Amino acid sequence: MVETVQVKPIEVHVGDRGLERAVKHLKRKMATEGILRELKRRRHYMKPSIKKRKKAAEAARRRRKRVRQMNERPSF
C-alpha cells in the first residue's frame, strides 16, 4: 500500500527583480526542501540488497572521514 502525503506546492513570486532572480530563488528552495535529491534517488529503482550495501558503504566512508579529521587535528 502506498501512502500519499499532501504537501503545499513551492511558490516563487516574480517581482521587480526579474525572472532570473526568481529561478535562482526557486532552485534554492528546492535544494533546501530536498526535492532535487529525492528526484535523483527515485530516478532508478534500486534493489533492497543494493540499497543496504550502499548505505553501509556510505556509513563506512563517513567513519573513515571522521577518523582522518581526528588525526589531522593538533592536540594541545
N, C-alpha and C. Protein backbone atom coordinates (compact mmCIF):
# COMPACT_ATOMS: atom_id res chain seq x y z
N MET A 1 0.84 -1.18 0.00
CA MET A 1 0.00 0.00 0.00
C MET A 1 0.88 1.24 0.00
N VAL A 2 0.61 2.17 -0.88
CA VAL A 2 1.38 3.39 -0.99
C VAL A 2 0.69 4.48 -0.19
N GLU A 3 1.47 5.14 0.62
CA GLU A 3 0.94 6.21 1.45
C GLU A 3 1.21 7.54 0.76
N THR A 4 0.18 8.33 0.52
CA THR A 4 0.36 9.62 -0.13
C THR A 4 0.40 10.72 0.92
N VAL A 5 1.23 11.70 0.64
CA VAL A 5 1.39 12.83 1.55
C VAL A 5 1.03 14.09 0.80
N GLN A 6 0.15 14.88 1.35
CA GLN A 6 -0.24 16.14 0.74
C GLN A 6 0.70 17.23 1.25
N VAL A 7 1.32 17.92 0.31
CA VAL A 7 2.23 19.00 0.69
C VAL A 7 1.84 20.26 -0.05
N LYS A 8 2.24 21.36 0.50
CA LYS A 8 1.97 22.65 -0.12
C LYS A 8 2.96 22.87 -1.26
N PRO A 9 2.49 23.26 -2.44
CA PRO A 9 3.42 23.48 -3.56
C PRO A 9 4.37 24.65 -3.29
N ILE A 10 5.54 24.56 -3.87
CA ILE A 10 6.52 25.64 -3.71
C ILE A 10 6.15 26.77 -4.66
N GLU A 11 6.08 27.95 -4.13
CA GLU A 11 5.73 29.12 -4.94
C GLU A 11 6.85 30.14 -4.85
N VAL A 12 7.13 30.76 -5.97
CA VAL A 12 8.11 31.84 -6.03
C VAL A 12 7.46 32.97 -6.81
N HIS A 13 7.44 34.15 -6.23
CA HIS A 13 6.84 35.30 -6.89
C HIS A 13 7.90 36.05 -7.69
N VAL A 14 7.57 36.32 -8.94
CA VAL A 14 8.47 37.08 -9.79
C VAL A 14 8.10 38.55 -9.61
N GLY A 15 8.99 39.28 -9.01
CA GLY A 15 8.72 40.69 -8.74
C GLY A 15 9.51 41.59 -9.65
N ASP A 16 9.94 42.69 -9.08
CA ASP A 16 10.70 43.69 -9.85
C ASP A 16 12.10 43.21 -10.20
N ARG A 17 12.59 42.22 -9.48
CA ARG A 17 13.98 41.80 -9.66
C ARG A 17 14.20 40.93 -10.90
N GLY A 18 13.16 40.41 -11.49
CA GLY A 18 13.30 39.68 -12.74
C GLY A 18 13.18 38.18 -12.61
N LEU A 19 13.08 37.55 -13.76
CA LEU A 19 12.87 36.12 -13.85
C LEU A 19 14.09 35.31 -13.39
N GLU A 20 15.28 35.77 -13.75
CA GLU A 20 16.49 35.03 -13.38
C GLU A 20 16.62 34.91 -11.86
N ARG A 21 16.30 35.99 -11.19
CA ARG A 21 16.37 36.01 -9.72
C ARG A 21 15.34 35.04 -9.13
N ALA A 22 14.15 34.98 -9.73
CA ALA A 22 13.09 34.08 -9.25
C ALA A 22 13.48 32.61 -9.46
N VAL A 23 14.11 32.31 -10.60
CA VAL A 23 14.55 30.94 -10.87
C VAL A 23 15.62 30.54 -9.86
N LYS A 24 16.53 31.44 -9.57
CA LYS A 24 17.59 31.18 -8.58
C LYS A 24 16.97 30.91 -7.21
N HIS A 25 15.97 31.68 -6.87
CA HIS A 25 15.28 31.52 -5.59
C HIS A 25 14.55 30.17 -5.54
N LEU A 26 13.92 29.80 -6.66
CA LEU A 26 13.23 28.51 -6.73
C LEU A 26 14.20 27.35 -6.56
N LYS A 27 15.35 27.41 -7.23
CA LYS A 27 16.35 26.35 -7.10
C LYS A 27 16.84 26.23 -5.67
N ARG A 28 17.04 27.36 -5.01
CA ARG A 28 17.50 27.35 -3.62
C ARG A 28 16.44 26.71 -2.72
N LYS A 29 15.17 27.05 -2.93
CA LYS A 29 14.08 26.46 -2.14
C LYS A 29 14.00 24.96 -2.35
N MET A 30 14.13 24.53 -3.61
CA MET A 30 14.06 23.10 -3.91
C MET A 30 15.23 22.36 -3.27
N ALA A 31 16.38 22.97 -3.23
CA ALA A 31 17.54 22.34 -2.61
C ALA A 31 17.35 22.20 -1.10
N THR A 32 16.82 23.23 -0.46
CA THR A 32 16.62 23.16 0.99
C THR A 32 15.53 22.16 1.36
N GLU A 33 14.53 22.02 0.50
CA GLU A 33 13.45 21.06 0.76
C GLU A 33 13.89 19.63 0.48
N GLY A 34 14.98 19.45 -0.27
CA GLY A 34 15.45 18.11 -0.60
C GLY A 34 14.75 17.50 -1.80
N ILE A 35 14.10 18.33 -2.60
CA ILE A 35 13.33 17.83 -3.74
C ILE A 35 14.26 17.27 -4.81
N LEU A 36 15.35 17.98 -5.10
CA LEU A 36 16.27 17.52 -6.14
C LEU A 36 16.91 16.20 -5.77
N ARG A 37 17.30 16.08 -4.52
CA ARG A 37 17.92 14.83 -4.04
C ARG A 37 16.93 13.67 -4.15
N GLU A 38 15.68 13.94 -3.81
CA GLU A 38 14.63 12.91 -3.89
C GLU A 38 14.36 12.49 -5.34
N LEU A 39 14.36 13.47 -6.25
CA LEU A 39 14.17 13.15 -7.66
C LEU A 39 15.29 12.26 -8.18
N LYS A 40 16.52 12.59 -7.84
CA LYS A 40 17.65 11.78 -8.28
C LYS A 40 17.55 10.38 -7.70
N ARG A 41 17.13 10.27 -6.45
CA ARG A 41 17.03 8.97 -5.79
C ARG A 41 15.96 8.10 -6.43
N ARG A 42 14.86 8.71 -6.84
CA ARG A 42 13.75 7.96 -7.40
C ARG A 42 13.86 7.72 -8.91
N ARG A 43 14.88 8.29 -9.52
CA ARG A 43 15.02 8.17 -10.97
C ARG A 43 15.17 6.71 -11.40
N HIS A 44 15.89 5.90 -10.61
CA HIS A 44 16.11 4.50 -10.94
C HIS A 44 15.72 3.64 -9.75
N TYR A 45 15.17 2.47 -10.03
CA TYR A 45 14.83 1.54 -8.96
C TYR A 45 16.11 0.90 -8.46
N MET A 46 16.22 0.79 -7.14
CA MET A 46 17.38 0.16 -6.54
C MET A 46 16.89 -1.00 -5.68
N LYS A 47 17.44 -2.18 -5.96
CA LYS A 47 17.04 -3.35 -5.19
C LYS A 47 17.39 -3.13 -3.72
N PRO A 48 16.58 -3.70 -2.82
CA PRO A 48 16.85 -3.51 -1.39
C PRO A 48 18.25 -3.96 -0.96
N SER A 49 18.77 -5.04 -1.56
CA SER A 49 20.10 -5.51 -1.18
C SER A 49 21.17 -4.50 -1.58
N ILE A 50 21.00 -3.89 -2.75
CA ILE A 50 21.98 -2.88 -3.20
C ILE A 50 21.85 -1.62 -2.36
N LYS A 51 20.62 -1.26 -2.01
CA LYS A 51 20.39 -0.08 -1.16
C LYS A 51 21.08 -0.26 0.19
N LYS A 52 20.96 -1.47 0.75
CA LYS A 52 21.58 -1.78 2.03
C LYS A 52 23.11 -1.71 1.92
N ARG A 53 23.65 -2.23 0.81
CA ARG A 53 25.09 -2.21 0.59
C ARG A 53 25.60 -0.78 0.45
N LYS A 54 24.86 0.05 -0.28
CA LYS A 54 25.25 1.45 -0.46
C LYS A 54 25.20 2.21 0.85
N LYS A 55 24.19 1.94 1.66
CA LYS A 55 24.06 2.60 2.95
C LYS A 55 25.24 2.26 3.85
N ALA A 56 25.64 0.98 3.86
CA ALA A 56 26.78 0.54 4.67
C ALA A 56 28.07 1.18 4.17
N ALA A 57 28.23 1.25 2.84
CA ALA A 57 29.44 1.85 2.27
C ALA A 57 29.51 3.34 2.61
N GLU A 58 28.38 4.01 2.57
CA GLU A 58 28.34 5.44 2.91
C GLU A 58 28.69 5.65 4.38
N ALA A 59 28.19 4.80 5.25
CA ALA A 59 28.50 4.91 6.68
C ALA A 59 29.99 4.67 6.92
N ALA A 60 30.57 3.70 6.21
CA ALA A 60 32.00 3.43 6.35
C ALA A 60 32.82 4.62 5.86
N ARG A 61 32.38 5.24 4.77
CA ARG A 61 33.08 6.41 4.24
C ARG A 61 33.05 7.56 5.25
N ARG A 62 31.89 7.78 5.87
CA ARG A 62 31.79 8.83 6.88
C ARG A 62 32.67 8.53 8.09
N ARG A 63 32.72 7.25 8.49
CA ARG A 63 33.58 6.85 9.61
C ARG A 63 35.04 7.13 9.30
N ARG A 64 35.49 6.74 8.09
CA ARG A 64 36.89 6.97 7.70
C ARG A 64 37.20 8.46 7.68
N LYS A 65 36.27 9.25 7.20
CA LYS A 65 36.45 10.69 7.14
C LYS A 65 36.59 11.28 8.54
N ARG A 66 35.74 10.82 9.46
CA ARG A 66 35.78 11.30 10.84
C ARG A 66 37.12 10.95 11.49
N VAL A 67 37.60 9.72 11.28
CA VAL A 67 38.88 9.30 11.85
C VAL A 67 40.02 10.13 11.27
N ARG A 68 39.98 10.37 9.96
CA ARG A 68 41.00 11.17 9.30
C ARG A 68 41.03 12.59 9.87
N GLN A 69 39.85 13.17 10.11
CA GLN A 69 39.78 14.52 10.65
C GLN A 69 40.30 14.57 12.08
N MET A 70 40.03 13.53 12.84
CA MET A 70 40.52 13.48 14.23
C MET A 70 42.04 13.37 14.26
N ASN A 71 42.63 12.67 13.31
CA ASN A 71 44.08 12.51 13.27
C ASN A 71 44.78 13.76 12.77
N GLU A 72 44.12 14.57 11.98
CA GLU A 72 44.73 15.78 11.45
C GLU A 72 44.72 16.94 12.44
N ARG A 73 43.82 16.90 13.40
CA ARG A 73 43.73 17.99 14.37
C ARG A 73 44.93 17.98 15.30
N PRO A 74 45.49 19.17 15.56
CA PRO A 74 46.60 19.22 16.52
C PRO A 74 46.07 19.06 17.93
N SER A 75 46.77 18.30 18.73
CA SER A 75 46.34 18.10 20.12
C SER A 75 47.11 19.05 21.02
N PHE A 76 46.38 19.84 21.78
CA PHE A 76 47.01 20.81 22.68
C PHE A 76 46.87 20.39 24.10
